[in-house]
Amino acid sequence: MSNANETVYPYHASERVEDPLTGNMTLIERDEIGFGLTKREHFAGLAMAAMISSKFYGEFLRAEEGIAKEALKHADELLAELQKETSK
């Protein structure tokens, strides 16, 4: 799961900077940056929301601890499968 901790919302930033000697504008590219949740956190939240709204999960998962662990398990499984797909 090499991408589990990458952000859900990555973007590339750049800025125009003026050279004080020549007055020419230069575009400086920044590294990829992001904000918000990681992919793992995002997928776990989606899984948790689905589980909470489902009638198929028993009372065990009604406890916050049980449902949180189960949601993370599903998120990890999804990330592992996605990693397999990109490795092909």
PDB file of N, CA and C in Angstrom:
ATOM      1  N   MET A   1       0.830  -1.186   0.000  1.00  0.00           N
ATOM      2  CA  MET A   1       0.000   0.000   0.000  1.00  0.00           C
ATOM      3  C   MET A   1       0.873   1.247   0.000  1.00  0.00           C
ATOM      4  N   SER A   2       1.559   1.488  -1.064  1.00  0.00           N
ATOM      5  CA  SER A   2       2.479   2.610  -1.099  1.00  0.00           C
ATOM      6  C   SER A   2       1.774   3.953  -1.185  1.00  0.00           C
ATOM      7  N   ASN A   3       0.538   3.991  -1.604  1.00  0.00           N
ATOM      8  CA  ASN A   3      -0.143   5.271  -1.761  1.00  0.00           C
ATOM      9  C   ASN A   3      -1.204   5.544  -0.693  1.00  0.00           C
ATOM     10  N   ALA A   4      -1.266   4.750   0.340  1.00  0.00           N
ATOM     11  CA  ALA A   4      -2.307   4.893   1.361  1.00  0.00           C
ATOM     12  C   ALA A   4      -2.236   6.230   2.085  1.00  0.00           C
ATOM     13  N   ASN A   5      -1.041   6.766   2.240  1.00  0.00           N
ATOM     14  CA  ASN A   5      -0.886   8.019   2.973  1.00  0.00           C
ATOM     15  C   ASN A   5      -0.802   9.233   2.060  1.00  0.00           C
ATOM     16  N   GLU A   6      -1.008   9.028   0.760  1.00  0.00           N
ATOM     17  CA  GLU A   6      -1.067  10.173  -0.149  1.00  0.00           C
ATOM     18  C   GLU A   6      -2.399  10.885   0.055  1.00  0.00           C
ATOM     19  N   THR A   7      -2.414  12.161  -0.247  1.00  0.00           N
ATOM     20  CA  THR A   7      -3.627  12.935  -0.064  1.00  0.00           C
ATOM     21  C   THR A   7      -4.676  12.595  -1.117  1.00  0.00           C
ATOM     22  N   VAL A   8      -5.908  12.750  -0.734  1.00  0.00           N
ATOM     23  CA  VAL A   8      -7.025  12.520  -1.647  1.00  0.00           C
ATOM     24  C   VAL A   8      -7.077  13.630  -2.705  1.00  0.00           C
ATOM     25  N   TYR A   9      -6.600  14.816  -2.353  1.00  0.00           N
ATOM     26  CA  TYR A   9      -6.713  15.985  -3.221  1.00  0.00           C
ATOM     27  C   TYR A   9      -5.344  16.567  -3.568  1.00  0.00           C
ATOM     28  N   PRO A  10      -4.535  15.852  -4.353  1.00  0.00           N
ATOM     29  CA  PRO A  10      -3.215  16.398  -4.704  1.00  0.00           C
ATOM     30  C   PRO A  10      -3.328  17.491  -5.768  1.00  0.00           C
ATOM     31  N   TYR A  11      -2.390  18.380  -5.776  1.00  0.00           N
ATOM     32  CA  TYR A  11      -2.306  19.360  -6.844  1.00  0.00           C
ATOM     33  C   TYR A  11      -0.871  19.858  -6.956  1.00  0.00           C
ATOM     34  N   HIS A  12      -0.545  20.387  -8.117  1.00  0.00           N
ATOM     35  CA  HIS A  12       0.772  20.952  -8.369  1.00  0.00           C
ATOM     36  C   HIS A  12       0.657  22.461  -8.263  1.00  0.00           C
ATOM     37  N   ALA A  13       1.587  23.040  -7.562  1.00  0.00           N
ATOM     38  CA  ALA A  13       1.573  24.490  -7.399  1.00  0.00           C
ATOM     39  C   ALA A  13       2.723  25.106  -8.181  1.00  0.00           C
ATOM     40  N   SER A  14       2.492  26.269  -8.697  1.00  0.00           N
ATOM     41  CA  SER A  14       3.542  27.024  -9.367  1.00  0.00           C
ATOM     42  C   SER A  14       3.299  28.502  -9.104  1.00  0.00           C
ATOM     43  N   GLU A  15       4.344  29.269  -9.259  1.00  0.00           N
ATOM     44  CA  GLU A  15       4.186  30.706  -9.077  1.00  0.00           C
ATOM     45  C   GLU A  15       5.113  31.442 -10.036  1.00  0.00           C
ATOM     46  N   ARG A  16       4.698  32.618 -10.416  1.00  0.00           N
ATOM     47  CA  ARG A  16       5.523  33.465 -11.269  1.00  0.00           C
ATOM     48  C   ARG A  16       6.326  34.415 -10.385  1.00  0.00           C
ATOM     49  N   VAL A  17       7.626  34.455 -10.656  1.00  0.00           N
ATOM     50  CA  VAL A  17       8.527  35.302  -9.880  1.00  0.00           C
ATOM     51  C   VAL A  17       9.269  36.210 -10.839  1.00  0.00           C
ATOM     52  N   GLU A  18       9.360  37.479 -10.477  1.00  0.00           N
ATOM     53  CA  GLU A  18      10.057  38.446 -11.320  1.00  0.00           C
ATOM     54  C   GLU A  18      11.517  38.529 -10.899  1.00  0.00           C
ATOM     55  N   ASP A  19      12.417  38.415 -11.883  1.00  0.00           N
ATOM     56  CA  ASP A  19      13.843  38.588 -11.632  1.00  0.00           C
ATOM     57  C   ASP A  19      14.091  40.074 -11.412  1.00  0.00           C
ATOM     58  N   PRO A  20      14.616  40.469 -10.252  1.00  0.00           N
ATOM     59  CA  PRO A  20      14.786  41.898  -9.971  1.00  0.00           C
ATOM     60  C   PRO A  20      15.805  42.594 -10.879  1.00  0.00           C
ATOM     61  N   LEU A  21      16.741  41.838 -11.448  1.00  0.00           N
ATOM     62  CA  LEU A  21      17.754  42.445 -12.303  1.00  0.00           C
ATOM     63  C   LEU A  21      17.265  42.655 -13.732  1.00  0.00           C
ATOM     64  N   THR A  22      16.549  41.668 -14.260  1.00  0.00           N
ATOM     65  CA  THR A  22      16.125  41.750 -15.666  1.00  0.00           C
ATOM     66  C   THR A  22      14.662  42.128 -15.831  1.00  0.00           C
ATOM     67  N   GLY A  23      13.877  41.918 -14.814  1.00  0.00           N
ATOM     68  CA  GLY A  23      12.445  42.171 -14.930  1.00  0.00           C
ATOM     69  C   GLY A  23      11.690  41.041 -15.601  1.00  0.00           C
ATOM     70  N   ASN A  24      12.409  39.977 -16.015  1.00  0.00           N
ATOM     71  CA  ASN A  24      11.764  38.824 -16.651  1.00  0.00           C
ATOM     72  C   ASN A  24      11.004  38.003 -15.624  1.00  0.00           C
ATOM     73  N   MET A  25       9.884  37.462 -16.076  1.00  0.00           N
ATOM     74  CA  MET A  25       9.085  36.602 -15.208  1.00  0.00           C
ATOM     75  C   MET A  25       9.508  35.150 -15.416  1.00  0.00           C
ATOM     76  N   THR A  26       9.641  34.422 -14.339  1.00  0.00           N
ATOM     77  CA  THR A  26      10.019  33.017 -14.376  1.00  0.00           C
ATOM     78  C   THR A  26       8.948  32.219 -13.654  1.00  0.00           C
ATOM     79  N   LEU A  27       8.583  31.087 -14.236  1.00  0.00           N
ATOM     80  CA  LEU A  27       7.606  30.203 -13.620  1.00  0.00           C
ATOM     81  C   LEU A  27       8.352  29.164 -12.794  1.00  0.00           C
ATOM     82  N   ILE A  28       8.074  29.114 -11.521  1.00  0.00           N
ATOM     83  CA  ILE A  28       8.711  28.147 -10.623  1.00  0.00           C
ATOM     84  C   ILE A  28       7.691  27.076 -10.281  1.00  0.00           C
ATOM     85  N   GLU A  29       8.041  25.835 -10.597  1.00  0.00           N
ATOM     86  CA  GLU A  29       7.167  24.698 -10.280  1.00  0.00           C
ATOM     87  C   GLU A  29       7.489  24.197  -8.886  1.00  0.00           C
ATOM     88  N   ARG A  30       6.466  23.917  -8.136  1.00  0.00           N
ATOM     89  CA  ARG A  30       6.630  23.371  -6.786  1.00  0.00           C
ATOM     90  C   ARG A  30       6.343  21.873  -6.827  1.00  0.00           C
ATOM     91  N   ASP A  31       6.768  21.191  -5.805  1.00  0.00           N
ATOM     92  CA  ASP A  31       6.449  19.763  -5.690  1.00  0.00           C
ATOM     93  C   ASP A  31       4.952  19.587  -5.544  1.00  0.00           C
ATOM     94  N   GLU A  32       4.498  18.353  -5.805  1.00  0.00           N
ATOM     95  CA  GLU A  32       3.077  18.049  -5.613  1.00  0.00           C
ATOM     96  C   GLU A  32       2.737  18.197  -4.141  1.00  0.00           C
ATOM     97  N   ILE A  33       1.688  18.922  -3.883  1.00  0.00           N
ATOM     98  CA  ILE A  33       1.237  19.115  -2.512  1.00  0.00           C
ATOM     99  C   ILE A  33      -0.241  18.789  -2.439  1.00  0.00           C
ATOM    100  N   GLY A  34      -0.757  18.687  -1.290  1.00  0.00           N
ATOM    101  CA  GLY A  34      -2.170  18.378  -1.146  1.00  0.00           C
ATOM    102  C   GLY A  34      -2.664  18.809   0.210  1.00  0.00           C
ATOM    103  N   PHE A  35      -3.904  18.541   0.451  1.00  0.00           N
ATOM    104  CA  PHE A  35      -4.511  18.927   1.714  1.00  0.00           C
ATOM    105  C   PHE A  35      -5.603  17.943   2.062  1.00  0.00           C
ATOM    106  N   GLY A  36      -6.005  17.963   3.308  1.00  0.00           N
ATOM    107  CA  GLY A  36      -7.129  17.142   3.725  1.00  0.00           C
ATOM    108  C   GLY A  36      -6.743  15.725   4.090  1.00  0.00           C
ATOM    109  N   LEU A  37      -7.691  14.840   3.878  1.00  0.00           N
ATOM    110  CA  LEU A  37      -7.562  13.447   4.281  1.00  0.00           C
ATOM    111  C   LEU A  37      -6.594  12.671   3.395  1.00  0.00           C
ATOM    112  N   THR A  38      -6.007  11.617   3.983  1.00  0.00           N
ATOM    113  CA  THR A  38      -5.246  10.674   3.168  1.00  0.00           C
ATOM    114  C   THR A  38      -6.236   9.753   2.470  1.00  0.00           C
ATOM    115  N   LYS A  39      -5.762   9.004   1.488  1.00  0.00           N
ATOM    116  CA  LYS A  39      -6.642   8.055   0.798  1.00  0.00           C
ATOM    117  C   LYS A  39      -7.186   7.020   1.785  1.00  0.00           C
ATOM    118  N   ARG A  40      -6.342   6.574   2.699  1.00  0.00           N
ATOM    119  CA  ARG A  40      -6.787   5.574   3.679  1.00  0.00           C
ATOM    120  C   ARG A  40      -7.902   6.133   4.566  1.00  0.00           C
ATOM    121  N   GLU A  41      -7.727   7.350   5.042  1.00  0.00           N
ATOM    122  CA  GLU A  41      -8.751   7.970   5.880  1.00  0.00           C
ATOM    123  C   GLU A  41     -10.055   8.183   5.106  1.00  0.00           C
ATOM    124  N   HIS A  42      -9.930   8.599   3.857  1.00  0.00           N
ATOM    125  CA  HIS A  42     -11.107   8.852   3.026  1.00  0.00           C
ATOM    126  C   HIS A  42     -11.894   7.567   2.777  1.00  0.00           C
ATOM    127  N   PHE A  43     -11.178   6.507   2.358  1.00  0.00           N
ATOM    128  CA  PHE A  43     -11.855   5.243   2.084  1.00  0.00           C
ATOM    129  C   PHE A  43     -12.450   4.645   3.354  1.00  0.00           C
ATOM    130  N   ALA A  44     -11.753   4.773   4.480  1.00  0.00           N
ATOM    131  CA  ALA A  44     -12.291   4.260   5.752  1.00  0.00           C
ATOM    132  C   ALA A  44     -13.563   5.015   6.128  1.00  0.00           C
ATOM    133  N   GLY A  45     -13.582   6.319   5.910  1.00  0.00           N
ATOM    134  CA  GLY A  45     -14.779   7.105   6.208  1.00  0.00           C
ATOM    135  C   GLY A  45     -15.958   6.698   5.348  1.00  0.00           C
ATOM    136  N   LEU A  46     -15.689   6.442   4.070  1.00  0.00           N
ATOM    137  CA  LEU A  46     -16.763   5.985   3.184  1.00  0.00           C
ATOM    138  C   LEU A  46     -17.296   4.626   3.619  1.00  0.00           C
ATOM    139  N   ALA A  47     -16.368   3.725   3.972  1.00  0.00           N
ATOM    140  CA  ALA A  47     -16.784   2.393   4.430  1.00  0.00           C
ATOM    141  C   ALA A  47     -17.581   2.504   5.727  1.00  0.00           C
ATOM    142  N   MET A  48     -17.132   3.358   6.627  1.00  0.00           N
ATOM    143  CA  MET A  48     -17.828   3.515   7.900  1.00  0.00           C
ATOM    144  C   MET A  48     -19.237   4.066   7.688  1.00  0.00           C
ATOM    145  N   ALA A  49     -19.376   5.038   6.815  1.00  0.00           N
ATOM    146  CA  ALA A  49     -20.703   5.600   6.536  1.00  0.00           C
ATOM    147  C   ALA A  49     -21.636   4.529   5.968  1.00  0.00           C
ATOM    148  N   ALA A  50     -21.109   3.705   5.075  1.00  0.00           N
ATOM    149  CA  ALA A  50     -21.928   2.638   4.493  1.00  0.00           C
ATOM    150  C   ALA A  50     -22.330   1.619   5.552  1.00  0.00           C
ATOM    151  N   MET A  51     -21.389   1.272   6.414  1.00  0.00           N
ATOM    152  CA  MET A  51     -21.689   0.288   7.449  1.00  0.00           C
ATOM    153  C   MET A  51     -22.722   0.807   8.438  1.00  0.00           C
ATOM    154  N   ILE A  52     -22.596   2.059   8.826  1.00  0.00           N
ATOM    155  CA  ILE A  52     -23.534   2.636   9.791  1.00  0.00           C
ATOM    156  C   ILE A  52     -24.955   2.648   9.227  1.00  0.00           C
ATOM    157  N   SER A  53     -25.061   2.898   7.929  1.00  0.00           N
ATOM    158  CA  SER A  53     -26.390   2.979   7.325  1.00  0.00           C
ATOM    159  C   SER A  53     -26.933   1.622   6.880  1.00  0.00           C
ATOM    160  N   SER A  54     -26.148   0.575   7.006  1.00  0.00           N
ATOM    161  CA  SER A  54     -26.548  -0.749   6.545  1.00  0.00           C
ATOM    162  C   SER A  54     -27.273  -1.532   7.625  1.00  0.00           C
ATOM    163  N   LYS A  55     -28.245  -2.310   7.225  1.00  0.00           N
ATOM    164  CA  LYS A  55     -28.958  -3.199   8.146  1.00  0.00           C
ATOM    165  C   LYS A  55     -28.225  -4.525   8.320  1.00  0.00           C
ATOM    166  N   PHE A  56     -27.189  -4.770   7.501  1.00  0.00           N
ATOM    167  CA  PHE A  56     -26.527  -6.056   7.508  1.00  0.00           C
ATOM    168  C   PHE A  56     -25.428  -6.175   8.551  1.00  0.00           C
ATOM    169  N   TYR A  57     -25.052  -5.078   9.193  1.00  0.00           N
ATOM    170  CA  TYR A  57     -24.020  -5.145  10.220  1.00  0.00           C
ATOM    171  C   TYR A  57     -24.675  -5.266  11.575  1.00  0.00           C
ATOM    172  N   GLY A  58     -24.206  -6.212  12.359  1.00  0.00           N
ATOM    173  CA  GLY A  58     -24.821  -6.515  13.650  1.00  0.00           C
ATOM    174  C   GLY A  58     -24.469  -5.526  14.740  1.00  0.00           C
ATOM    175  N   GLU A  59     -24.913  -5.841  15.924  1.00  0.00           N
ATOM    176  CA  GLU A  59     -24.684  -4.976  17.076  1.00  0.00           C
ATOM    177  C   GLU A  59     -23.203  -4.827  17.396  1.00  0.00           C
ATOM    178  N   PHE A  60     -22.398  -5.836  17.037  1.00  0.00           N
ATOM    179  CA  PHE A  60     -20.956  -5.741  17.274  1.00  0.00           C
ATOM    180  C   PHE A  60     -20.390  -4.483  16.639  1.00  0.00           C
ATOM    181  N   LEU A  61     -20.841  -4.195  15.435  1.00  0.00           N
ATOM    182  CA  LEU A  61     -20.302  -3.046  14.715  1.00  0.00           C
ATOM    183  C   LEU A  61     -20.960  -1.740  15.112  1.00  0.00           C
ATOM    184  N   ARG A  62     -21.981  -1.787  15.940  1.00  0.00           N
ATOM    185  CA  ARG A  62     -22.615  -0.551  16.401  1.00  0.00           C
ATOM    186  C   ARG A  62     -21.704   0.183  17.386  1.00  0.00           C
ATOM    187  N   ALA A  63     -20.840  -0.561  18.040  1.00  0.00           N
ATOM    188  CA  ALA A  63     -19.865   0.075  18.935  1.00  0.00           C
ATOM    189  C   ALA A  63     -18.827   0.789  18.075  1.00  0.00           C
ATOM    190  N   GLU A  64     -18.471   1.995  18.460  1.00  0.00           N
ATOM    191  CA  GLU A  64     -17.566   2.809  17.650  1.00  0.00           C
ATOM    192  C   GLU A  64     -16.247   2.096  17.367  1.00  0.00           C
ATOM    193  N   GLU A  65     -15.719   1.394  18.364  1.00  0.00           N
ATOM    194  CA  GLU A  65     -14.435   0.732  18.194  1.00  0.00           C
ATOM    195  C   GLU A  65     -14.504  -0.375  17.151  1.00  0.00           C
ATOM    196  N   GLY A  66     -15.565  -1.178  17.183  1.00  0.00           N
ATOM    197  CA  GLY A  66     -15.701  -2.273  16.227  1.00  0.00           C
ATOM    198  C   GLY A  66     -15.890  -1.782  14.810  1.00  0.00           C
ATOM    199  N   ILE A  67     -16.702  -0.779  14.628  1.00  0.00           N
ATOM    200  CA  ILE A  67     -16.980  -0.283  13.290  1.00  0.00           C
ATOM    201  C   ILE A  67     -15.775   0.462  12.712  1.00  0.00           C
ATOM    202  N   ALA A  68     -15.023   1.152  13.561  1.00  0.00           N
ATOM    203  CA  ALA A  68     -13.833   1.867  13.086  1.00  0.00           C
ATOM    204  C   ALA A  68     -12.773   0.880  12.599  1.00  0.00           C
ATOM    205  N   LYS A  69     -12.552  -0.185  13.368  1.00  0.00           N
ATOM    206  CA  LYS A  69     -11.570  -1.196  12.960  1.00  0.00           C
ATOM    207  C   LYS A  69     -11.996  -1.884  11.670  1.00  0.00           C
ATOM    208  N   GLU A  70     -13.261  -2.186  11.547  1.00  0.00           N
ATOM    209  CA  GLU A  70     -13.776  -2.835  10.337  1.00  0.00           C
ATOM    210  C   GLU A  70     -13.647  -1.910   9.128  1.00  0.00           C
ATOM    211  N   ALA A  71     -13.918  -0.637   9.310  1.00  0.00           N
ATOM    212  CA  ALA A  71     -13.807   0.334   8.210  1.00  0.00           C
ATOM    213  C   ALA A  71     -12.359   0.447   7.740  1.00  0.00           C
ATOM    214  N   LEU A  72     -11.424   0.482   8.667  1.00  0.00           N
ATOM    215  CA  LEU A  72     -10.008   0.542   8.286  1.00  0.00           C
ATOM    216  C   LEU A  72      -9.583  -0.722   7.543  1.00  0.00           C
ATOM    217  N   LYS A  73     -10.109  -1.864   7.975  1.00  0.00           N
ATOM    218  CA  LYS A  73      -9.805  -3.127   7.296  1.00  0.00           C
ATOM    219  C   LYS A  73     -10.269  -3.075   5.839  1.00  0.00           C
ATOM    220  N   HIS A  74     -11.479  -2.573   5.617  1.00  0.00           N
ATOM    221  CA  HIS A  74     -11.999  -2.464   4.252  1.00  0.00           C
ATOM    222  C   HIS A  74     -11.191  -1.463   3.428  1.00  0.00           C
ATOM    223  N   ALA A  75     -10.817  -0.352   4.045  1.00  0.00           N
ATOM    224  CA  ALA A  75     -10.002   0.645   3.341  1.00  0.00           C
ATOM    225  C   ALA A  75      -8.654   0.046   2.934  1.00  0.00           C
ATOM    226  N   ASP A  76      -8.022  -0.684   3.839  1.00  0.00           N
ATOM    227  CA  ASP A  76      -6.732  -1.310   3.541  1.00  0.00           C
ATOM    228  C   ASP A  76      -6.853  -2.341   2.423  1.00  0.00           C
ATOM    229  N   GLU A  77      -7.939  -3.110   2.428  1.00  0.00           N
ATOM    230  CA  GLU A  77      -8.157  -4.106   1.376  1.00  0.00           C
ATOM    231  C   GLU A  77      -8.342  -3.435   0.021  1.00  0.00           C
ATOM    232  N   LEU A  78      -9.093  -2.348  -0.011  1.00  0.00           N
ATOM    233  CA  LEU A  78      -9.288  -1.614  -1.259  1.00  0.00           C
ATOM    234  C   LEU A  78      -7.970  -1.048  -1.770  1.00  0.00           C
ATOM    235  N   LEU A  79      -7.185  -0.433  -0.900  1.00  0.00           N
ATOM    236  CA  LEU A  79      -5.896   0.123  -1.306  1.00  0.00           C
ATOM    237  C   LEU A  79      -4.953  -0.964  -1.819  1.00  0.00           C
ATOM    238  N   ALA A  80      -4.984  -2.133  -1.190  1.00  0.00           N
ATOM    239  CA  ALA A  80      -4.137  -3.246  -1.639  1.00  0.00           C
ATOM    240  C   ALA A  80      -4.553  -3.704  -3.034  1.00  0.00           C
ATOM    241  N   GLU A  81      -5.843  -3.807  -3.277  1.00  0.00           N
ATOM    242  CA  GLU A  81      -6.330  -4.200  -4.606  1.00  0.00           C
ATOM    243  C   GLU A  81      -5.975  -3.149  -5.656  1.00  0.00           C
ATOM    244  N   LEU A  82      -6.116  -1.895  -5.315  1.00  0.00           N
ATOM    245  CA  LEU A  82      -5.760  -0.827  -6.257  1.00  0.00           C
ATOM    246  C   LEU A  82      -4.276  -0.857  -6.574  1.00  0.00           C
ATOM    247  N   GLN A  83      -3.457  -1.182  -5.579  1.00  0.00           N
ATOM    248  CA  GLN A  83      -2.010  -1.275  -5.804  1.00  0.00           C
ATOM    249  C   GLN A  83      -1.695  -2.431  -6.756  1.00  0.00           C
ATOM    250  N   LYS A  84      -2.413  -3.547  -6.621  1.00  0.00           N
ATOM    251  CA  LYS A  84      -2.220  -4.681  -7.530  1.00  0.00           C
ATOM    252  C   LYS A  84      -2.552  -4.280  -8.962  1.00  0.00           C
ATOM    253  N   GLU A  85      -3.624  -3.517  -9.148  1.00  0.00           N
ATOM    254  CA  GLU A  85      -4.041  -3.090 -10.480  1.00  0.00           C
ATOM    255  C   GLU A  85      -2.989  -2.204 -11.126  1.00  0.00           C
ATOM    256  N   THR A  86      -2.351  -1.310 -10.361  1.00  0.00           N
ATOM    257  CA  THR A  86      -1.357  -0.413 -10.936  1.00  0.00           C
ATOM    258  C   THR A  86      -0.038  -1.126 -11.168  1.00  0.00           C
ATOM    259  N   SER A  87       0.178  -2.269 -10.522  1.00  0.00           N
ATOM    260  CA  SER A  87       1.420  -3.029 -10.687  1.00  0.00           C
ATOM    261  C   SER A  87       1.429  -3.883 -11.937  1.00  0.00           C
ATOM    262  N   LYS A  88       0.272  -4.079 -12.554  1.00  0.00           N
ATOM    263  CA  LYS A  88       0.172  -4.956 -13.738  1.00  0.00           C
ATOM    264  C   LYS A  88       0.822  -4.327 -14.939  1.00  0.00           C
TER     265      LYS A  88
END
